[in-house]
Amino acid sequence: VDPVLSEILAGACRALVEEADDLLERASMGMVIRESRDYCSVVCDRHGNVVATGSKDLPAFVGTIQFTMQAVIAAIGVARFRPGDIYIVND
């Protein structure tokens, strides 16, 4: 992949995750989410590998999310994924 295109796509993924974080924080009714940021937003590839994480996410989540996503993928099956699908996990 072209290095310039790669950096553009990486930046877009980071922006997407930051926007998801901001939306979750604004929409949350719970103080734990709003004040302690007890969540993690990520973009993963089809194998569950983390592509982008939020800059303010808790390291404990960032360190384990790949394994959580791999379990979700195994449970759902890649063949059932459709463009635009979003999976929300509370583990």
PDB file of N, CA and C in Angstrom:
ATOM      1  N   VAL A   1       0.849  -1.180   0.000  1.00  0.00           N
ATOM      2  CA  VAL A   1       0.000   0.000   0.000  1.00  0.00           C
ATOM      3  C   VAL A   1       0.892   1.240   0.000  1.00  0.00           C
ATOM      4  N   ASP A   2       0.495   2.205  -0.748  1.00  0.00           N
ATOM      5  CA  ASP A   2       1.191   3.478  -0.822  1.00  0.00           C
ATOM      6  C   ASP A   2       1.292   4.100   0.574  1.00  0.00           C
ATOM      7  N   PRO A   3       2.474   4.572   1.002  1.00  0.00           N
ATOM      8  CA  PRO A   3       2.624   5.138   2.353  1.00  0.00           C
ATOM      9  C   PRO A   3       1.716   6.341   2.625  1.00  0.00           C
ATOM     10  N   VAL A   4       1.492   7.163   1.623  1.00  0.00           N
ATOM     11  CA  VAL A   4       0.634   8.330   1.813  1.00  0.00           C
ATOM     12  C   VAL A   4      -0.809   7.882   2.034  1.00  0.00           C
ATOM     13  N   LEU A   5      -1.290   6.974   1.204  1.00  0.00           N
ATOM     14  CA  LEU A   5      -2.650   6.454   1.362  1.00  0.00           C
ATOM     15  C   LEU A   5      -2.792   5.748   2.706  1.00  0.00           C
ATOM     16  N   SER A   6      -1.781   5.001   3.096  1.00  0.00           N
ATOM     17  CA  SER A   6      -1.799   4.302   4.383  1.00  0.00           C
ATOM     18  C   SER A   6      -1.971   5.283   5.539  1.00  0.00           C
ATOM     19  N   GLU A   7      -1.244   6.392   5.502  1.00  0.00           N
ATOM     20  CA  GLU A   7      -1.347   7.388   6.576  1.00  0.00           C
ATOM     21  C   GLU A   7      -2.701   8.097   6.546  1.00  0.00           C
ATOM     22  N   ILE A   8      -3.243   8.343   5.377  1.00  0.00           N
ATOM     23  CA  ILE A   8      -4.568   8.954   5.258  1.00  0.00           C
ATOM     24  C   ILE A   8      -5.623   8.035   5.869  1.00  0.00           C
ATOM     25  N   LEU A   9      -5.557   6.749   5.545  1.00  0.00           N
ATOM     26  CA  LEU A   9      -6.522   5.790   6.090  1.00  0.00           C
ATOM     27  C   LEU A   9      -6.361   5.635   7.601  1.00  0.00           C
ATOM     28  N   ALA A  10      -5.125   5.616   8.077  1.00  0.00           N
ATOM     29  CA  ALA A  10      -4.879   5.513   9.522  1.00  0.00           C
ATOM     30  C   ALA A  10      -5.463   6.728  10.244  1.00  0.00           C
ATOM     31  N   GLY A  11      -5.265   7.912   9.680  1.00  0.00           N
ATOM     32  CA  GLY A  11      -5.818   9.124  10.269  1.00  0.00           C
ATOM     33  C   GLY A  11      -7.340   9.101  10.279  1.00  0.00           C
ATOM     34  N   ALA A  12      -7.937   8.584   9.222  1.00  0.00           N
ATOM     35  CA  ALA A  12      -9.395   8.485   9.160  1.00  0.00           C
ATOM     36  C   ALA A  12      -9.919   7.522  10.223  1.00  0.00           C
ATOM     37  N   CYS A  13      -9.220   6.418  10.431  1.00  0.00           N
ATOM     38  CA  CYS A  13      -9.634   5.457  11.463  1.00  0.00           C
ATOM     39  C   CYS A  13      -9.502   6.064  12.854  1.00  0.00           C
ATOM     40  N   ARG A  14      -8.418   6.790  13.097  1.00  0.00           N
ATOM     41  CA  ARG A  14      -8.244   7.447  14.399  1.00  0.00           C
ATOM     42  C   ARG A  14      -9.349   8.480  14.622  1.00  0.00           C
ATOM     43  N   ALA A  15      -9.681   9.245  13.600  1.00  0.00           N
ATOM     44  CA  ALA A  15     -10.745  10.251  13.716  1.00  0.00           C
ATOM     45  C   ALA A  15     -12.093   9.582  13.983  1.00  0.00           C
ATOM     46  N   LEU A  16     -12.348   8.469  13.337  1.00  0.00           N
ATOM     47  CA  LEU A  16     -13.588   7.733  13.547  1.00  0.00           C
ATOM     48  C   LEU A  16     -13.714   7.277  14.994  1.00  0.00           C
ATOM     49  N   VAL A  17     -12.630   6.756  15.547  1.00  0.00           N
ATOM     50  CA  VAL A  17     -12.652   6.277  16.927  1.00  0.00           C
ATOM     51  C   VAL A  17     -12.836   7.444  17.900  1.00  0.00           C
ATOM     52  N   GLU A  18     -12.161   8.556  17.647  1.00  0.00           N
ATOM     53  CA  GLU A  18     -12.320   9.724  18.522  1.00  0.00           C
ATOM     54  C   GLU A  18     -13.759  10.237  18.482  1.00  0.00           C
ATOM     55  N   GLU A  19     -14.360  10.222  17.312  1.00  0.00           N
ATOM     56  CA  GLU A  19     -15.751  10.665  17.187  1.00  0.00           C
ATOM     57  C   GLU A  19     -16.689   9.708  17.928  1.00  0.00           C
ATOM     58  N   ALA A  20     -16.430   8.404  17.825  1.00  0.00           N
ATOM     59  CA  ALA A  20     -17.242   7.425  18.558  1.00  0.00           C
ATOM     60  C   ALA A  20     -17.103   7.634  20.059  1.00  0.00           C
ATOM     61  N   ASP A  21     -15.880   7.883  20.524  1.00  0.00           N
ATOM     62  CA  ASP A  21     -15.663   8.162  21.947  1.00  0.00           C
ATOM     63  C   ASP A  21     -16.463   9.381  22.395  1.00  0.00           C
ATOM     64  N   ASP A  22     -16.385  10.454  21.635  1.00  0.00           N
ATOM     65  CA  ASP A  22     -17.096  11.684  21.988  1.00  0.00           C
ATOM     66  C   ASP A  22     -18.606  11.467  22.018  1.00  0.00           C
ATOM     67  N   LEU A  23     -19.120  10.741  21.040  1.00  0.00           N
ATOM     68  CA  LEU A  23     -20.550  10.465  20.979  1.00  0.00           C
ATOM     69  C   LEU A  23     -20.994   9.622  22.171  1.00  0.00           C
ATOM     70  N   LEU A  24     -20.237   8.585  22.488  1.00  0.00           N
ATOM     71  CA  LEU A  24     -20.581   7.736  23.624  1.00  0.00           C
ATOM     72  C   LEU A  24     -20.566   8.530  24.926  1.00  0.00           C
ATOM     73  N   GLU A  25     -19.575   9.372  25.082  1.00  0.00           N
ATOM     74  CA  GLU A  25     -19.465  10.180  26.290  1.00  0.00           C
ATOM     75  C   GLU A  25     -20.640  11.168  26.405  1.00  0.00           C
ATOM     76  N   ARG A  26     -21.007  11.816  25.306  1.00  0.00           N
ATOM     77  CA  ARG A  26     -22.117  12.777  25.333  1.00  0.00           C
ATOM     78  C   ARG A  26     -23.461  12.092  25.561  1.00  0.00           C
ATOM     79  N   ALA A  27     -23.644  10.908  24.994  1.00  0.00           N
ATOM     80  CA  ALA A  27     -24.929  10.218  25.082  1.00  0.00           C
ATOM     81  C   ALA A  27     -25.098   9.439  26.382  1.00  0.00           C
ATOM     82  N   SER A  28     -24.021   9.204  27.081  1.00  0.00           N
ATOM     83  CA  SER A  28     -24.068   8.388  28.283  1.00  0.00           C
ATOM     84  C   SER A  28     -24.821   9.070  29.411  1.00  0.00           C
ATOM     85  N   MET A  29     -25.621   8.279  30.103  1.00  0.00           N
ATOM     86  CA  MET A  29     -26.323   8.777  31.284  1.00  0.00           C
ATOM     87  C   MET A  29     -25.533   8.455  32.548  1.00  0.00           C
ATOM     88  N   GLY A  30     -24.562   7.552  32.445  1.00  0.00           N
ATOM     89  CA  GLY A  30     -23.830   7.110  33.625  1.00  0.00           C
ATOM     90  C   GLY A  30     -22.579   7.932  33.885  1.00  0.00           C
ATOM     91  N   MET A  31     -22.368   8.264  35.141  1.00  0.00           N
ATOM     92  CA  MET A  31     -21.202   9.047  35.518  1.00  0.00           C
ATOM     93  C   MET A  31     -19.908   8.263  35.284  1.00  0.00           C
ATOM     94  N   VAL A  32     -19.960   6.941  35.402  1.00  0.00           N
ATOM     95  CA  VAL A  32     -18.762   6.125  35.203  1.00  0.00           C
ATOM     96  C   VAL A  32     -18.242   6.304  33.778  1.00  0.00           C
ATOM     97  N   ILE A  33     -19.135   6.360  32.835  1.00  0.00           N
ATOM     98  CA  ILE A  33     -18.727   6.555  31.440  1.00  0.00           C
ATOM     99  C   ILE A  33     -18.223   7.981  31.236  1.00  0.00           C
ATOM    100  N   ARG A  34     -19.010   8.940  31.657  1.00  0.00           N
ATOM    101  CA  ARG A  34     -18.659  10.338  31.407  1.00  0.00           C
ATOM    102  C   ARG A  34     -17.401  10.787  32.149  1.00  0.00           C
ATOM    103  N   GLU A  35     -17.294  10.424  33.405  1.00  0.00           N
ATOM    104  CA  GLU A  35     -16.213  10.978  34.222  1.00  0.00           C
ATOM    105  C   GLU A  35     -14.947  10.130  34.235  1.00  0.00           C
ATOM    106  N   SER A  36     -15.099   8.812  34.280  1.00  0.00           N
ATOM    107  CA  SER A  36     -13.889   7.982  34.352  1.00  0.00           C
ATOM    108  C   SER A  36     -13.528   7.350  33.012  1.00  0.00           C
ATOM    109  N   ARG A  37     -14.364   7.587  31.995  1.00  0.00           N
ATOM    110  CA  ARG A  37     -14.108   7.075  30.649  1.00  0.00           C
ATOM    111  C   ARG A  37     -13.898   5.562  30.677  1.00  0.00           C
ATOM    112  N   ASP A  38     -14.821   4.874  31.328  1.00  0.00           N
ATOM    113  CA  ASP A  38     -14.744   3.423  31.515  1.00  0.00           C
ATOM    114  C   ASP A  38     -15.259   2.697  30.264  1.00  0.00           C
ATOM    115  N   TYR A  39     -14.567   2.892  29.161  1.00  0.00           N
ATOM    116  CA  TYR A  39     -14.924   2.265  27.892  1.00  0.00           C
ATOM    117  C   TYR A  39     -13.745   2.368  26.929  1.00  0.00           C
ATOM    118  N   CYS A  40     -13.903   1.742  25.802  1.00  0.00           N
ATOM    119  CA  CYS A  40     -12.863   1.783  24.772  1.00  0.00           C
ATOM    120  C   CYS A  40     -13.560   1.670  23.416  1.00  0.00           C
ATOM    121  N   SER A  41     -13.234   2.540  22.503  1.00  0.00           N
ATOM    122  CA  SER A  41     -13.738   2.454  21.131  1.00  0.00           C
ATOM    123  C   SER A  41     -12.573   2.075  20.237  1.00  0.00           C
ATOM    124  N   VAL A  42     -12.807   1.139  19.348  1.00  0.00           N
ATOM    125  CA  VAL A  42     -11.734   0.690  18.458  1.00  0.00           C
ATOM    126  C   VAL A  42     -12.272   0.432  17.063  1.00  0.00           C
ATOM    127  N   VAL A  43     -11.377   0.430  16.112  1.00  0.00           N
ATOM    128  CA  VAL A  43     -11.650  -0.081  14.780  1.00  0.00           C
ATOM    129  C   VAL A  43     -10.766  -1.310  14.633  1.00  0.00           C
ATOM    130  N   CYS A  44     -11.388  -2.428  14.254  1.00  0.00           N
ATOM    131  CA  CYS A  44     -10.648  -3.684  14.068  1.00  0.00           C
ATOM    132  C   CYS A  44     -10.800  -4.155  12.630  1.00  0.00           C
ATOM    133  N   ASP A  45      -9.859  -4.971  12.207  1.00  0.00           N
ATOM    134  CA  ASP A  45     -10.006  -5.591  10.893  1.00  0.00           C
ATOM    135  C   ASP A  45     -10.885  -6.837  11.016  1.00  0.00           C
ATOM    136  N   ARG A  46     -11.089  -7.537   9.945  1.00  0.00           N
ATOM    137  CA  ARG A  46     -11.993  -8.684   9.942  1.00  0.00           C
ATOM    138  C   ARG A  46     -11.492  -9.854  10.777  1.00  0.00           C
ATOM    139  N   HIS A  47     -10.239  -9.783  11.235  1.00  0.00           N
ATOM    140  CA  HIS A  47      -9.679 -10.839  12.071  1.00  0.00           C
ATOM    141  C   HIS A  47      -9.651 -10.454  13.545  1.00  0.00           C
ATOM    142  N   GLY A  48     -10.109  -9.256  13.865  1.00  0.00           N
ATOM    143  CA  GLY A  48     -10.122  -8.791  15.245  1.00  0.00           C
ATOM    144  C   GLY A  48      -8.869  -8.050  15.658  1.00  0.00           C
ATOM    145  N   ASN A  49      -7.962  -7.834  14.725  1.00  0.00           N
ATOM    146  CA  ASN A  49      -6.759  -7.071  15.041  1.00  0.00           C
ATOM    147  C   ASN A  49      -7.107  -5.585  15.128  1.00  0.00           C
ATOM    148  N   VAL A  50      -6.592  -4.924  16.150  1.00  0.00           N
ATOM    149  CA  VAL A  50      -6.901  -3.519  16.367  1.00  0.00           C
ATOM    150  C   VAL A  50      -6.194  -2.653  15.323  1.00  0.00           C
ATOM    151  N   VAL A  51      -6.965  -1.803  14.657  1.00  0.00           N
ATOM    152  CA  VAL A  51      -6.442  -0.880  13.657  1.00  0.00           C
ATOM    153  C   VAL A  51      -6.266   0.509  14.266  1.00  0.00           C
ATOM    154  N   ALA A  52      -7.220   0.926  15.107  1.00  0.00           N
ATOM    155  CA  ALA A  52      -7.161   2.252  15.729  1.00  0.00           C
ATOM    156  C   ALA A  52      -7.871   2.218  17.064  1.00  0.00           C
ATOM    157  N   THR A  53      -7.330   2.970  18.017  1.00  0.00           N
ATOM    158  CA  THR A  53      -7.954   3.122  19.333  1.00  0.00           C
ATOM    159  C   THR A  53      -8.048   4.607  19.646  1.00  0.00           C
ATOM    160  N   GLY A  54      -8.876   4.923  20.615  1.00  0.00           N
ATOM    161  CA  GLY A  54      -9.011   6.305  21.044  1.00  0.00           C
ATOM    162  C   GLY A  54      -7.810   6.746  21.865  1.00  0.00           C
ATOM    163  N   SER A  55      -7.536   8.029  21.847  1.00  0.00           N
ATOM    164  CA  SER A  55      -6.366   8.551  22.551  1.00  0.00           C
ATOM    165  C   SER A  55      -6.573   8.609  24.062  1.00  0.00           C
ATOM    166  N   LYS A  56      -7.830   8.545  24.512  1.00  0.00           N
ATOM    167  CA  LYS A  56      -8.115   8.644  25.941  1.00  0.00           C
ATOM    168  C   LYS A  56      -8.675   7.346  26.523  1.00  0.00           C
ATOM    169  N   ASP A  57      -8.629   6.250  25.754  1.00  0.00           N
ATOM    170  CA  ASP A  57      -9.190   4.978  26.213  1.00  0.00           C
ATOM    171  C   ASP A  57      -8.351   4.371  27.328  1.00  0.00           C
ATOM    172  N   LEU A  58      -9.004   3.578  28.171  1.00  0.00           N
ATOM    173  CA  LEU A  58      -8.308   2.924  29.268  1.00  0.00           C
ATOM    174  C   LEU A  58      -7.373   1.839  28.735  1.00  0.00           C
ATOM    175  N   PRO A  59      -6.113   1.837  29.139  1.00  0.00           N
ATOM    176  CA  PRO A  59      -5.152   0.837  28.648  1.00  0.00           C
ATOM    177  C   PRO A  59      -5.589  -0.601  28.898  1.00  0.00           C
ATOM    178  N   ALA A  60      -6.300  -0.855  29.995  1.00  0.00           N
ATOM    179  CA  ALA A  60      -6.745  -2.227  30.275  1.00  0.00           C
ATOM    180  C   ALA A  60      -7.656  -2.745  29.173  1.00  0.00           C
ATOM    181  N   PHE A  61      -8.507  -1.873  28.637  1.00  0.00           N
ATOM    182  CA  PHE A  61      -9.396  -2.282  27.550  1.00  0.00           C
ATOM    183  C   PHE A  61      -8.625  -2.439  26.250  1.00  0.00           C
ATOM    184  N   VAL A  62      -7.743  -1.505  25.974  1.00  0.00           N
ATOM    185  CA  VAL A  62      -6.975  -1.547  24.733  1.00  0.00           C
ATOM    186  C   VAL A  62      -6.143  -2.831  24.676  1.00  0.00           C
ATOM    187  N   GLY A  63      -5.640  -3.266  25.827  1.00  0.00           N
ATOM    188  CA  GLY A  63      -4.812  -4.471  25.874  1.00  0.00           C
ATOM    189  C   GLY A  63      -5.585  -5.764  25.688  1.00  0.00           C
ATOM    190  N   THR A  64      -6.883  -5.747  25.961  1.00  0.00           N
ATOM    191  CA  THR A  64      -7.667  -6.984  25.861  1.00  0.00           C
ATOM    192  C   THR A  64      -8.690  -6.982  24.732  1.00  0.00           C
ATOM    193  N   ILE A  65      -8.946  -5.824  24.130  1.00  0.00           N
ATOM    194  CA  ILE A  65     -10.027  -5.730  23.150  1.00  0.00           C
ATOM    195  C   ILE A  65      -9.819  -6.646  21.940  1.00  0.00           C
ATOM    196  N   GLN A  66      -8.576  -6.870  21.555  1.00  0.00           N
ATOM    197  CA  GLN A  66      -8.323  -7.743  20.409  1.00  0.00           C
ATOM    198  C   GLN A  66      -8.868  -9.146  20.664  1.00  0.00           C
ATOM    199  N   PHE A  67      -8.675  -9.652  21.869  1.00  0.00           N
ATOM    200  CA  PHE A  67      -9.154 -10.997  22.190  1.00  0.00           C
ATOM    201  C   PHE A  67     -10.676 -11.029  22.301  1.00  0.00           C
ATOM    202  N   THR A  68     -11.250  -9.965  22.817  1.00  0.00           N
ATOM    203  CA  THR A  68     -12.708  -9.862  22.889  1.00  0.00           C
ATOM    204  C   THR A  68     -13.296  -9.841  21.490  1.00  0.00           C
ATOM    205  N   MET A  69     -12.719  -9.025  20.610  1.00  0.00           N
ATOM    206  CA  MET A  69     -13.228  -8.938  19.248  1.00  0.00           C
ATOM    207  C   MET A  69     -13.072 -10.257  18.496  1.00  0.00           C
ATOM    208  N   GLN A  70     -11.980 -10.963  18.726  1.00  0.00           N
ATOM    209  CA  GLN A  70     -11.797 -12.261  18.084  1.00  0.00           C
ATOM    210  C   GLN A  70     -12.865 -13.251  18.542  1.00  0.00           C
ATOM    211  N   ALA A  71     -13.268 -13.176  19.816  1.00  0.00           N
ATOM    212  CA  ALA A  71     -14.342 -14.033  20.319  1.00  0.00           C
ATOM    213  C   ALA A  71     -15.686 -13.657  19.690  1.00  0.00           C
ATOM    214  N   VAL A  72     -15.935 -12.357  19.523  1.00  0.00           N
ATOM    215  CA  VAL A  72     -17.171 -11.907  18.875  1.00  0.00           C
ATOM    216  C   VAL A  72     -17.211 -12.393  17.429  1.00  0.00           C
ATOM    217  N   ILE A  73     -16.105 -12.260  16.740  1.00  0.00           N
ATOM    218  CA  ILE A  73     -16.029 -12.708  15.341  1.00  0.00           C
ATOM    219  C   ILE A  73     -16.263 -14.206  15.249  1.00  0.00           C
ATOM    220  N   ALA A  74     -15.673 -14.966  16.161  1.00  0.00           N
ATOM    221  CA  ALA A  74     -15.865 -16.417  16.162  1.00  0.00           C
ATOM    222  C   ALA A  74     -17.326 -16.781  16.429  1.00  0.00           C
ATOM    223  N   ALA A  75     -17.988 -16.030  17.315  1.00  0.00           N
ATOM    224  CA  ALA A  75     -19.381 -16.310  17.654  1.00  0.00           C
ATOM    225  C   ALA A  75     -20.328 -15.961  16.511  1.00  0.00           C
ATOM    226  N   ILE A  76     -20.068 -14.862  15.820  1.00  0.00           N
ATOM    227  CA  ILE A  76     -20.957 -14.402  14.752  1.00  0.00           C
ATOM    228  C   ILE A  76     -20.615 -15.058  13.423  1.00  0.00           C
ATOM    229  N   GLY A  77     -19.338 -15.161  13.148  1.00  0.00           N
ATOM    230  CA  GLY A  77     -18.879 -15.715  11.880  1.00  0.00           C
ATOM    231  C   GLY A  77     -18.666 -14.617  10.851  1.00  0.00           C
ATOM    232  N   VAL A  78     -17.490 -14.572  10.282  1.00  0.00           N
ATOM    233  CA  VAL A  78     -17.135 -13.525   9.316  1.00  0.00           C
ATOM    234  C   VAL A  78     -18.106 -13.509   8.138  1.00  0.00           C
ATOM    235  N   ALA A  79     -18.620 -14.657   7.744  1.00  0.00           N
ATOM    236  CA  ALA A  79     -19.522 -14.727   6.589  1.00  0.00           C
ATOM    237  C   ALA A  79     -20.808 -13.924   6.812  1.00  0.00           C
ATOM    238  N   ARG A  80     -21.169 -13.662   8.056  1.00  0.00           N
ATOM    239  CA  ARG A  80     -22.398 -12.927   8.348  1.00  0.00           C
ATOM    240  C   ARG A  80     -22.167 -11.420   8.452  1.00  0.00           C
ATOM    241  N   PHE A  81     -20.929 -10.970   8.396  1.00  0.00           N
ATOM    242  CA  PHE A  81     -20.629  -9.536   8.458  1.00  0.00           C
ATOM    243  C   PHE A  81     -21.094  -8.862   7.174  1.00  0.00           C
ATOM    244  N   ARG A  82     -21.613  -7.664   7.325  1.00  0.00           N
ATOM    245  CA  ARG A  82     -22.052  -6.864   6.185  1.00  0.00           C
ATOM    246  C   ARG A  82     -21.424  -5.476   6.286  1.00  0.00           C
ATOM    247  N   PRO A  83     -21.209  -4.811   5.149  1.00  0.00           N
ATOM    248  CA  PRO A  83     -20.664  -3.447   5.192  1.00  0.00           C
ATOM    249  C   PRO A  83     -21.542  -2.560   6.069  1.00  0.00           C
ATOM    250  N   GLY A  84     -20.890  -1.783   6.914  1.00  0.00           N
ATOM    251  CA  GLY A  84     -21.587  -0.869   7.794  1.00  0.00           C
ATOM    252  C   GLY A  84     -21.988  -1.464   9.132  1.00  0.00           C
ATOM    253  N   ASP A  85     -21.773  -2.770   9.330  1.00  0.00           N
ATOM    254  CA  ASP A  85     -22.089  -3.380  10.626  1.00  0.00           C
ATOM    255  C   ASP A  85     -21.249  -2.760  11.729  1.00  0.00           C
ATOM    256  N   ILE A  86     -21.868  -2.601  12.880  1.00  0.00           N
ATOM    257  CA  ILE A  86     -21.192  -2.107  14.075  1.00  0.00           C
ATOM    258  C   ILE A  86     -21.529  -3.088  15.187  1.00  0.00           C
ATOM    259  N   TYR A  87     -20.517  -3.518  15.910  1.00  0.00           N
ATOM    260  CA  TYR A  87     -20.718  -4.441  17.017  1.00  0.00           C
ATOM    261  C   TYR A  87     -20.349  -3.755  18.313  1.00  0.00           C
ATOM    262  N   ILE A  88     -21.280  -3.765  19.239  1.00  0.00           N
ATOM    263  CA  ILE A  88     -21.072  -3.156  20.546  1.00  0.00           C
ATOM    264  C   ILE A  88     -20.991  -4.299  21.546  1.00  0.00           C
ATOM    265  N   VAL A  89     -19.904  -4.321  22.321  1.00  0.00           N
ATOM    266  CA  VAL A  89     -19.650  -5.433  23.231  1.00  0.00           C
ATOM    267  C   VAL A  89     -19.483  -4.882  24.637  1.00  0.00           C
ATOM    268  N   ASN A  90     -20.094  -5.539  25.593  1.00  0.00           N
ATOM    269  CA  ASN A  90     -19.914  -5.217  27.003  1.00  0.00           C
ATOM    270  C   ASN A  90     -19.399  -6.477  27.672  1.00  0.00           C
ATOM    271  N   ASP A  91     -18.094  -6.557  27.863  1.00  0.00           N
ATOM    272  CA  ASP A  91     -17.491  -7.760  28.430  1.00  0.00           C
ATOM    273  C   ASP A  91     -16.740  -7.403  29.697  1.00  0.00           C
TER     274      ASP A  91
END
